[in-house]
N, C-alpha and C. Protein backbone atom coordinates (compact mmCIF):
# COMPACT_ATOMS: atom_id res chain seq x y z
N MET A 1 22.56 94.24 56.61
CA MET A 1 21.71 94.89 55.85
C MET A 1 21.89 94.52 54.57
N THR A 2 20.88 94.42 53.94
CA THR A 2 20.67 93.82 52.35
C THR A 2 20.56 94.70 51.42
N LEU A 3 21.17 95.17 50.67
CA LEU A 3 20.84 95.67 49.36
C LEU A 3 20.72 95.16 47.99
N GLU A 4 19.85 95.94 47.06
CA GLU A 4 20.06 95.29 45.88
C GLU A 4 20.62 96.18 44.79
N LEU A 5 21.36 95.93 44.22
CA LEU A 5 22.21 96.59 42.88
C LEU A 5 22.00 96.28 41.80
N ASN A 6 21.64 97.30 40.95
CA ASN A 6 21.72 96.85 39.31
C ASN A 6 22.92 97.40 38.90
N ILE A 7 23.93 96.41 38.42
CA ILE A 7 24.99 96.51 38.10
C ILE A 7 25.27 95.74 36.44
N ASN A 8 25.18 96.52 35.35
CA ASN A 8 25.35 95.88 34.14
C ASN A 8 24.49 95.07 33.99
N ASN A 9 23.28 95.58 34.22
CA ASN A 9 21.79 94.77 33.89
C ASN A 9 21.64 93.67 34.94
N THR A 10 22.46 93.37 35.71
CA THR A 10 22.41 92.14 36.63
C THR A 10 22.05 92.68 37.97
N THR A 11 20.83 91.96 38.69
CA THR A 11 20.39 92.23 39.85
C THR A 11 21.47 91.53 40.90
N TYR A 12 21.90 92.15 41.86
CA TYR A 12 22.86 91.54 42.87
C TYR A 12 22.39 91.83 44.35
N SER A 13 22.09 90.92 45.15
CA SER A 13 21.69 91.10 46.21
C SER A 13 22.88 91.12 47.35
N ILE A 14 23.12 91.96 47.77
CA ILE A 14 24.52 92.09 49.01
C ILE A 14 24.23 92.24 50.39
N GLN A 15 24.93 91.58 51.53
CA GLN A 15 25.05 91.59 52.62
C GLN A 15 26.16 92.39 52.86
N ILE A 16 25.63 93.73 53.59
CA ILE A 16 26.97 94.53 54.26
C ILE A 16 26.65 95.15 55.48
N ASP A 17 27.77 95.60 56.27
CA ASP A 17 27.32 96.06 57.48
C ASP A 17 27.42 97.44 57.79
N ASP A 18 27.94 98.18 56.50
CA ASP A 18 28.03 99.69 56.66
C ASP A 18 27.79 100.09 55.18
N ASP A 19 26.19 100.70 55.30
CA ASP A 19 25.75 101.22 53.97
C ASP A 19 26.10 102.39 53.35
N GLN A 20 27.07 103.13 54.45
CA GLN A 20 28.09 104.14 53.89
C GLN A 20 29.22 103.86 53.10
N GLN A 21 29.94 102.88 53.11
CA GLN A 21 31.11 102.38 52.54
C GLN A 21 31.02 102.65 51.10
N PRO A 22 32.09 102.95 50.65
CA PRO A 22 32.13 103.29 49.07
C PRO A 22 31.61 102.23 48.32
N LEU A 23 30.92 102.66 46.98
CA LEU A 23 30.56 101.59 46.14
C LEU A 23 31.79 100.86 45.51
N LEU A 24 32.77 101.74 45.37
CA LEU A 24 33.85 100.94 44.68
C LEU A 24 34.27 99.74 45.15
N TRP A 25 34.34 99.54 46.67
CA TRP A 25 34.79 98.58 47.23
C TRP A 25 33.65 97.23 47.34
N VAL A 26 32.50 97.64 47.25
CA VAL A 26 31.41 96.65 46.89
C VAL A 26 31.66 96.22 45.48
N ILE A 27 31.71 96.97 44.53
CA ILE A 27 32.12 96.57 43.14
C ILE A 27 33.09 95.60 42.95
N ARG A 28 34.51 96.03 43.82
CA ARG A 28 35.62 95.10 43.30
C ARG A 28 35.41 94.30 44.40
N ASP A 29 35.67 94.35 45.70
CA ASP A 29 35.72 93.02 46.68
C ASP A 29 34.51 92.10 46.93
N LEU A 30 33.25 92.76 47.12
CA LEU A 30 32.04 91.88 46.93
C LEU A 30 31.65 91.14 45.69
N LEU A 31 31.95 91.95 44.84
CA LEU A 31 31.30 91.41 43.24
C LEU A 31 32.02 91.21 42.11
N ASP A 32 33.58 91.36 42.58
CA ASP A 32 34.71 90.81 41.86
C ASP A 32 34.82 91.47 40.41
N LEU A 33 34.25 92.57 40.37
CA LEU A 33 34.28 93.39 39.11
C LEU A 33 35.44 94.32 39.16
N LYS A 34 36.57 94.07 38.89
CA LYS A 34 37.95 94.49 38.98
C LYS A 34 38.35 95.69 38.11
N GLY A 35 37.43 95.90 36.86
CA GLY A 35 37.74 96.74 36.02
C GLY A 35 37.71 98.32 36.40
N THR A 36 36.93 98.54 37.37
CA THR A 36 36.84 99.89 38.15
C THR A 36 38.14 99.84 39.25
N LYS A 37 39.13 101.14 39.04
CA LYS A 37 40.20 100.94 39.63
C LYS A 37 40.04 101.99 41.07
N TYR A 38 40.84 101.50 42.09
CA TYR A 38 41.26 102.71 43.12
C TYR A 38 42.27 103.49 42.67
N GLY A 39 42.39 104.53 42.85
CA GLY A 39 43.29 105.76 42.41
C GLY A 39 43.51 106.56 43.95
N CYS A 40 43.04 107.52 43.95
CA CYS A 40 43.27 108.54 45.11
C CYS A 40 42.37 108.07 46.35
N GLY A 41 41.22 107.97 46.40
CA GLY A 41 40.05 107.57 47.28
C GLY A 41 39.48 109.09 47.76
N LEU A 42 39.52 109.84 47.03
CA LEU A 42 39.24 111.30 47.26
C LEU A 42 38.42 111.72 46.24
N ALA A 43 37.87 111.23 45.23
CA ALA A 43 37.26 111.32 44.10
C ALA A 43 37.84 112.63 43.15
N SER A 44 39.09 112.43 43.47
CA SER A 44 39.96 113.58 42.39
C SER A 44 40.68 112.90 41.33
N CYS A 45 40.99 111.73 41.07
CA CYS A 45 41.70 111.37 40.05
C CYS A 45 40.83 110.67 39.02
N GLY A 46 39.75 110.02 39.37
CA GLY A 46 38.50 109.41 38.18
C GLY A 46 39.03 108.01 37.78
N ALA A 47 39.88 107.48 38.67
CA ALA A 47 40.37 106.09 38.21
C ALA A 47 38.95 105.04 38.62
N CYS A 48 38.07 105.37 39.63
CA CYS A 48 37.04 104.70 39.82
C CYS A 48 35.69 105.04 39.40
N THR A 49 35.64 105.84 37.97
CA THR A 49 34.57 106.50 37.52
C THR A 49 33.71 105.36 36.97
N ILE A 50 32.56 105.39 37.35
CA ILE A 50 31.41 104.43 36.57
C ILE A 50 30.39 105.43 36.21
N MET A 51 29.35 104.67 35.72
CA MET A 51 28.09 105.56 35.75
C MET A 51 26.93 105.13 36.24
N ILE A 52 26.32 106.26 37.00
CA ILE A 52 25.07 105.61 37.65
C ILE A 52 23.77 106.72 37.00
N ASP A 53 22.85 105.69 36.38
CA ASP A 53 21.94 106.28 35.68
C ASP A 53 22.19 107.33 34.75
N GLY A 54 23.16 106.81 33.92
CA GLY A 54 24.32 107.51 32.71
C GLY A 54 24.94 108.84 33.17
N GLU A 55 25.10 108.91 34.59
CA GLU A 55 25.90 110.02 34.94
C GLU A 55 27.23 109.36 35.47
N ALA A 56 28.41 110.05 35.05
CA ALA A 56 29.87 109.75 35.44
C ALA A 56 29.76 110.04 37.25
N ILE A 57 30.19 109.03 37.80
CA ILE A 57 30.19 109.22 39.28
C ILE A 57 31.80 108.58 39.53
N ARG A 58 32.28 109.30 40.48
CA ARG A 58 33.53 108.58 41.10
C ARG A 58 33.05 107.76 42.31
N SER A 59 33.48 106.31 42.09
CA SER A 59 32.53 105.54 43.20
C SER A 59 33.51 105.31 44.22
N CYS A 60 34.45 106.06 44.66
CA CYS A 60 35.47 105.83 45.73
C CYS A 60 34.65 106.80 46.56
N SER A 61 33.87 107.56 46.50
CA SER A 61 33.30 108.70 47.59
C SER A 61 31.92 108.34 47.30
N TYR A 62 31.33 107.30 46.67
CA TYR A 62 29.98 107.09 46.62
C TYR A 62 29.19 106.25 47.48
N PRO A 63 28.50 106.53 48.30
CA PRO A 63 27.92 105.51 49.60
C PRO A 63 27.17 104.77 48.82
N VAL A 64 27.36 103.40 49.01
CA VAL A 64 26.78 101.97 48.43
C VAL A 64 25.05 102.01 48.65
N SER A 65 24.88 103.03 49.91
CA SER A 65 23.41 103.03 49.80
C SER A 65 22.78 103.69 49.15
N LEU A 66 23.10 104.81 48.49
CA LEU A 66 22.93 105.65 47.50
C LEU A 66 22.47 105.29 45.90
N ALA A 67 23.29 103.91 45.90
CA ALA A 67 23.18 103.18 44.71
C ALA A 67 21.96 102.34 44.56
N GLU A 68 21.34 102.07 45.45
CA GLU A 68 20.13 100.85 45.34
C GLU A 68 19.04 101.58 44.57
N GLY A 69 18.52 101.06 43.65
CA GLY A 69 17.42 101.09 42.88
C GLY A 69 17.80 102.24 41.64
N LYS A 70 19.19 102.25 41.48
CA LYS A 70 19.55 102.95 40.16
C LYS A 70 20.24 102.03 39.20
N SER A 71 20.59 102.23 37.86
CA SER A 71 21.24 101.62 37.07
C SER A 71 22.96 101.77 37.01
N ILE A 72 23.38 101.01 37.25
CA ILE A 72 24.89 101.08 37.52
C ILE A 72 25.71 100.41 36.35
N THR A 73 26.52 101.18 35.78
CA THR A 73 27.14 100.72 34.59
C THR A 73 28.76 100.84 35.04
N THR A 74 29.54 99.76 34.90
CA THR A 74 31.19 99.75 35.09
C THR A 74 31.85 99.31 33.84
N ILE A 75 32.88 99.40 33.62
CA ILE A 75 33.63 99.26 32.40
C ILE A 75 33.12 97.44 31.88
N GLU A 76 33.21 96.73 32.73
CA GLU A 76 32.67 95.44 32.36
C GLU A 76 31.26 95.31 31.47
N GLY A 77 30.30 96.32 31.78
CA GLY A 77 29.21 96.22 31.20
C GLY A 77 29.24 97.40 29.82
N LEU A 78 30.18 98.28 29.72
CA LEU A 78 30.18 99.11 28.52
C LEU A 78 30.14 98.39 27.02
N GLY A 79 30.69 97.35 27.05
CA GLY A 79 30.62 96.69 25.97
C GLY A 79 31.66 95.18 26.07
N SER A 80 31.70 94.62 24.86
CA SER A 80 32.27 93.37 25.10
C SER A 80 33.32 93.01 23.87
N LYS A 81 34.15 92.04 24.09
CA LYS A 81 35.30 92.05 23.36
C LYS A 81 34.69 91.95 21.89
N ASP A 82 34.07 91.20 21.49
CA ASP A 82 33.07 90.89 20.33
C ASP A 82 32.33 92.17 19.89
N HIS A 83 31.65 93.04 20.78
CA HIS A 83 30.79 94.10 20.39
C HIS A 83 31.46 95.15 21.62
N PRO A 84 32.22 96.00 20.99
CA PRO A 84 33.06 97.07 22.04
C PRO A 84 32.16 98.31 21.65
N HIS A 85 32.14 98.93 22.90
CA HIS A 85 31.26 100.40 22.71
C HIS A 85 32.13 101.04 21.79
N PRO A 86 31.63 102.08 21.20
CA PRO A 86 32.35 103.09 20.17
C PRO A 86 33.53 103.86 21.33
N VAL A 87 33.70 104.00 22.35
CA VAL A 87 34.54 104.48 23.27
C VAL A 87 35.81 103.35 23.30
N GLN A 88 35.64 102.46 23.61
CA GLN A 88 36.28 100.97 23.68
C GLN A 88 36.99 101.05 22.15
N GLN A 89 36.23 101.14 21.12
CA GLN A 89 36.94 100.82 19.80
C GLN A 89 37.68 102.13 19.66
N ALA A 90 37.16 103.08 19.72
CA ALA A 90 38.10 104.43 19.57
C ALA A 90 39.44 104.67 20.64
N TRP A 91 39.31 103.97 21.75
CA TRP A 91 40.82 103.60 22.38
C TRP A 91 41.43 102.86 22.02
N ILE A 92 41.06 101.51 21.34
CA ILE A 92 41.80 100.78 20.46
C ILE A 92 42.60 101.46 19.40
N GLU A 93 41.79 101.85 18.26
CA GLU A 93 42.19 102.28 17.23
C GLU A 93 43.21 103.70 17.57
N GLU A 94 43.10 104.38 18.32
CA GLU A 94 44.00 105.31 18.91
C GLU A 94 44.99 105.04 19.38
N ILE A 95 45.10 103.75 19.88
CA ILE A 95 46.33 102.98 20.83
C ILE A 95 46.23 104.14 22.15
N VAL A 96 45.48 104.39 22.91
CA VAL A 96 45.50 105.31 23.85
C VAL A 96 46.16 105.15 25.14
N PRO A 97 46.13 103.84 25.64
CA PRO A 97 46.98 103.30 26.80
C PRO A 97 48.26 103.05 26.84
N GLN A 98 48.90 103.58 28.09
CA GLN A 98 50.43 103.25 27.93
C GLN A 98 50.15 102.24 29.36
N CYS A 99 50.13 102.82 30.36
CA CYS A 99 50.09 101.60 31.30
C CYS A 99 48.60 100.94 31.49
N GLY A 100 47.50 101.94 31.38
CA GLY A 100 46.18 101.36 31.26
C GLY A 100 45.26 101.41 32.43
N TYR A 101 46.26 101.89 33.81
CA TYR A 101 45.53 101.81 34.80
C TYR A 101 44.28 102.59 34.90
N CYS A 102 44.35 103.92 34.50
CA CYS A 102 43.40 104.91 34.52
C CYS A 102 42.19 104.98 33.73
N GLN A 103 42.65 104.10 32.66
CA GLN A 103 41.85 104.07 31.24
C GLN A 103 40.22 103.62 31.43
N PRO A 104 39.96 102.71 32.23
CA PRO A 104 38.43 102.34 32.41
C PRO A 104 37.85 103.62 33.11
N GLY A 105 38.14 104.23 33.91
CA GLY A 105 37.73 105.46 34.38
C GLY A 105 37.52 106.74 33.44
N PHE A 106 38.39 106.69 32.81
CA PHE A 106 38.25 107.83 31.26
C PHE A 106 37.39 107.30 30.24
N MET A 107 37.46 106.08 30.19
CA MET A 107 36.37 105.32 29.22
C MET A 107 34.89 105.91 29.74
N MET A 108 34.73 105.41 30.82
CA MET A 108 33.37 105.57 31.47
C MET A 108 32.96 107.06 31.63
N ALA A 109 34.05 107.93 31.88
CA ALA A 109 33.71 109.38 31.83
C ALA A 109 33.19 109.99 30.50
N THR A 110 34.08 109.30 29.44
CA THR A 110 33.76 109.62 28.08
C THR A 110 32.29 109.13 27.48
N ALA A 111 31.95 107.73 27.78
CA ALA A 111 30.53 107.32 27.86
C ALA A 111 29.63 108.17 28.17
N ALA A 112 29.75 108.96 29.34
CA ALA A 112 28.52 109.65 29.78
C ALA A 112 28.52 110.87 29.11
N LEU A 113 29.94 111.20 28.72
CA LEU A 113 29.98 112.75 28.22
C LEU A 113 29.31 112.56 26.81
N LEU A 114 29.37 111.66 26.14
CA LEU A 114 29.02 111.33 24.76
C LEU A 114 27.45 111.31 24.74
N GLU A 115 26.84 110.73 26.04
CA GLU A 115 25.50 110.53 26.11
C GLU A 115 24.89 111.80 26.07
N LYS A 116 25.80 112.70 26.91
CA LYS A 116 25.00 114.17 27.02
C LYS A 116 25.24 115.26 25.81
N ASN A 117 26.28 114.82 25.27
CA ASN A 117 27.01 115.94 24.32
C ASN A 117 27.58 114.97 23.13
N PRO A 118 26.95 114.52 22.22
CA PRO A 118 27.26 113.53 21.35
C PRO A 118 28.47 114.06 20.18
N VAL A 119 28.63 115.32 20.29
CA VAL A 119 30.02 116.14 19.30
C VAL A 119 30.59 117.01 20.47
N PRO A 120 31.27 116.56 21.24
CA PRO A 120 32.05 117.69 22.19
C PRO A 120 33.31 118.27 21.46
N SER A 121 33.35 119.42 21.63
CA SER A 121 34.48 120.25 21.48
C SER A 121 35.62 120.12 22.35
N ASP A 122 36.70 120.51 21.95
CA ASP A 122 37.91 120.26 22.68
C ASP A 122 37.87 121.06 24.13
N GLU A 123 37.19 122.00 24.24
CA GLU A 123 36.92 122.71 25.31
C GLU A 123 35.70 122.07 26.43
N ASP A 124 34.90 121.33 25.56
CA ASP A 124 33.81 120.48 26.49
C ASP A 124 34.74 119.36 26.95
N ILE A 125 35.54 118.89 26.44
CA ILE A 125 36.36 117.55 26.82
C ILE A 125 37.14 118.01 27.95
N ASP A 126 37.90 119.29 27.93
CA ASP A 126 38.51 119.44 28.98
C ASP A 126 37.72 119.91 30.35
N THR A 127 36.49 120.52 30.05
CA THR A 127 35.57 120.94 31.08
C THR A 127 35.13 119.57 31.92
N GLU A 128 34.79 118.49 30.92
CA GLU A 128 34.00 117.50 31.39
C GLU A 128 34.75 116.20 31.78
N ILE A 129 36.01 116.19 31.50
CA ILE A 129 36.87 115.06 31.48
C ILE A 129 37.96 115.23 32.37
N THR A 130 37.81 115.31 33.73
CA THR A 130 38.77 115.69 34.81
C THR A 130 39.46 114.76 35.17
N ASN A 131 39.50 113.71 34.65
CA ASN A 131 40.24 112.30 35.33
C ASN A 131 41.80 113.00 34.99
N ILE A 132 42.77 112.02 36.00
CA ILE A 132 44.02 112.19 35.74
C ILE A 132 44.89 111.03 35.35
N CYS A 133 45.68 111.02 34.34
CA CYS A 133 46.69 110.05 33.93
C CYS A 133 48.12 110.19 33.97
N ARG A 134 48.89 109.57 34.70
CA ARG A 134 50.20 109.51 35.19
C ARG A 134 51.03 109.69 34.06
N CYS A 135 50.62 108.88 33.10
CA CYS A 135 51.22 108.40 31.73
C CYS A 135 51.29 109.79 30.73
N ALA A 136 50.24 110.65 31.01
CA ALA A 136 49.95 111.74 30.32
C ALA A 136 49.71 111.42 28.67
N THR A 137 48.40 110.62 28.66
CA THR A 137 48.05 110.41 27.32
C THR A 137 46.98 111.23 26.70
N TYR A 138 47.08 112.21 27.43
CA TYR A 138 45.94 113.02 27.09
C TYR A 138 45.36 113.54 25.53
N TYR A 139 46.61 113.62 24.95
CA TYR A 139 46.45 114.04 23.45
C TYR A 139 45.86 112.77 22.71
N ARG A 140 46.29 111.50 22.93
CA ARG A 140 45.42 110.48 22.62
C ARG A 140 44.39 110.21 22.73
N MET A 141 44.05 110.54 24.32
CA MET A 141 42.44 110.52 24.68
C MET A 141 41.68 111.29 24.00
N ARG A 142 41.91 112.65 23.71
CA ARG A 142 41.22 113.72 23.17
C ARG A 142 41.08 113.26 21.83
N LYS A 143 42.00 112.48 21.11
CA LYS A 143 41.66 111.94 19.72
C LYS A 143 40.54 110.70 19.62
N ALA A 144 40.66 110.15 20.69
CA ALA A 144 39.77 108.86 20.68
C ALA A 144 38.42 109.62 21.31
N ILE A 145 38.11 110.37 21.82
CA ILE A 145 36.91 110.92 22.29
C ILE A 145 36.18 111.56 20.82
N HIS A 146 36.79 112.15 20.29
CA HIS A 146 36.40 112.56 19.18
C HIS A 146 36.03 111.39 18.02
N ARG A 147 37.08 110.64 18.07
CA ARG A 147 36.61 109.45 17.24
C ARG A 147 35.42 108.36 17.69
N ALA A 148 35.37 108.35 19.14
CA ALA A 148 34.07 107.75 19.52
C ALA A 148 32.98 108.22 19.23
N ALA A 149 33.10 109.91 19.21
CA ALA A 149 31.98 110.67 18.73
C ALA A 149 31.45 110.25 17.40
N GLU A 150 32.43 109.92 16.62
CA GLU A 150 32.20 109.58 15.16
C GLU A 150 31.55 108.43 14.95
N ILE A 151 32.13 107.49 15.91
CA ILE A 151 31.51 105.97 15.77
C ILE A 151 30.03 105.92 16.29
N LYS A 152 30.10 106.79 17.15
CA LYS A 152 28.52 106.59 18.14
C LYS A 152 27.62 107.31 16.95
N GLN A 153 27.85 108.28 16.34
CA GLN A 153 26.87 108.97 15.39
C GLN A 153 26.53 107.76 14.16
N VAL A 154 27.62 107.27 13.98
CA VAL A 154 27.39 106.31 12.40
C VAL A 154 26.50 105.04 12.78
N ASN A 155 26.92 104.64 14.24
CA ASN A 155 26.04 103.45 14.72
C ASN A 155 24.86 103.96 15.46
N ASN A 156 24.97 105.05 15.71
CA ASN A 156 23.62 105.70 16.59
C ASN A 156 23.54 104.95 17.97
N ILE A 157 24.44 104.61 18.72
CA ILE A 157 24.63 103.59 19.84
C ILE A 157 24.70 104.52 21.29
N SER A 158 23.74 104.07 22.21
CA SER A 158 23.81 104.72 23.52
C SER A 158 25.02 104.09 24.27
N PRO A 159 25.48 104.74 25.47
CA PRO A 159 26.45 104.16 26.20
C PRO A 159 25.95 102.89 26.82
N THR A 160 25.13 102.41 26.90
CA THR A 160 24.71 101.12 27.64
C THR A 160 24.00 100.13 26.76
N ALA A 161 24.10 100.25 25.37
CA ALA A 161 23.45 99.70 24.34
C ALA A 161 23.95 98.27 24.27
N GLU A 162 25.25 98.09 24.18
CA GLU A 162 25.84 96.67 24.16
C GLU A 162 25.41 95.82 25.65
N SER A 163 25.51 96.30 26.67
CA SER A 163 24.89 95.52 27.68
C SER A 163 23.52 95.37 27.87
N ASP A 164 22.95 95.67 26.68
CA ASP A 164 20.98 95.40 26.94
C ASP A 164 21.16 94.07 26.26
N GLU A 165 22.26 93.67 25.27
CA GLU A 165 21.78 92.67 24.65
C GLU A 165 21.86 91.38 25.35
């Protein structure tokens, strides 16, 4: 079966045998976009978080067949080295990651949150960002989320603006 997927503003035509396989494995194994991570395989930890039509989605449990015709953004499409997204810039400024494994998922969840709620409270962050970090960098992430909101407001940038260039 052939599916067409729009990932990071690029259309990919892929051949798959099982249209119910998780989108995560298509992104990582077929398209070689390794920023999205495998964590638990149960949609619990959030390491595999991407955005589909602006919503944070855990790709380890999202069937690839449901992604056809939708706009998918992975960490590779969020920003670039020369033009980081406000979330990426805030993560750098606040020196958030320790091991860094879970951070792409956190950044994608944060970008989706800021699109819906440009100035989240601590309670909003606790409610919406349910990813898990073994290194427990939650305090720095919370600071970075507030910083990203500030940067985004100053620059008036949407979560996928950098990938539109």
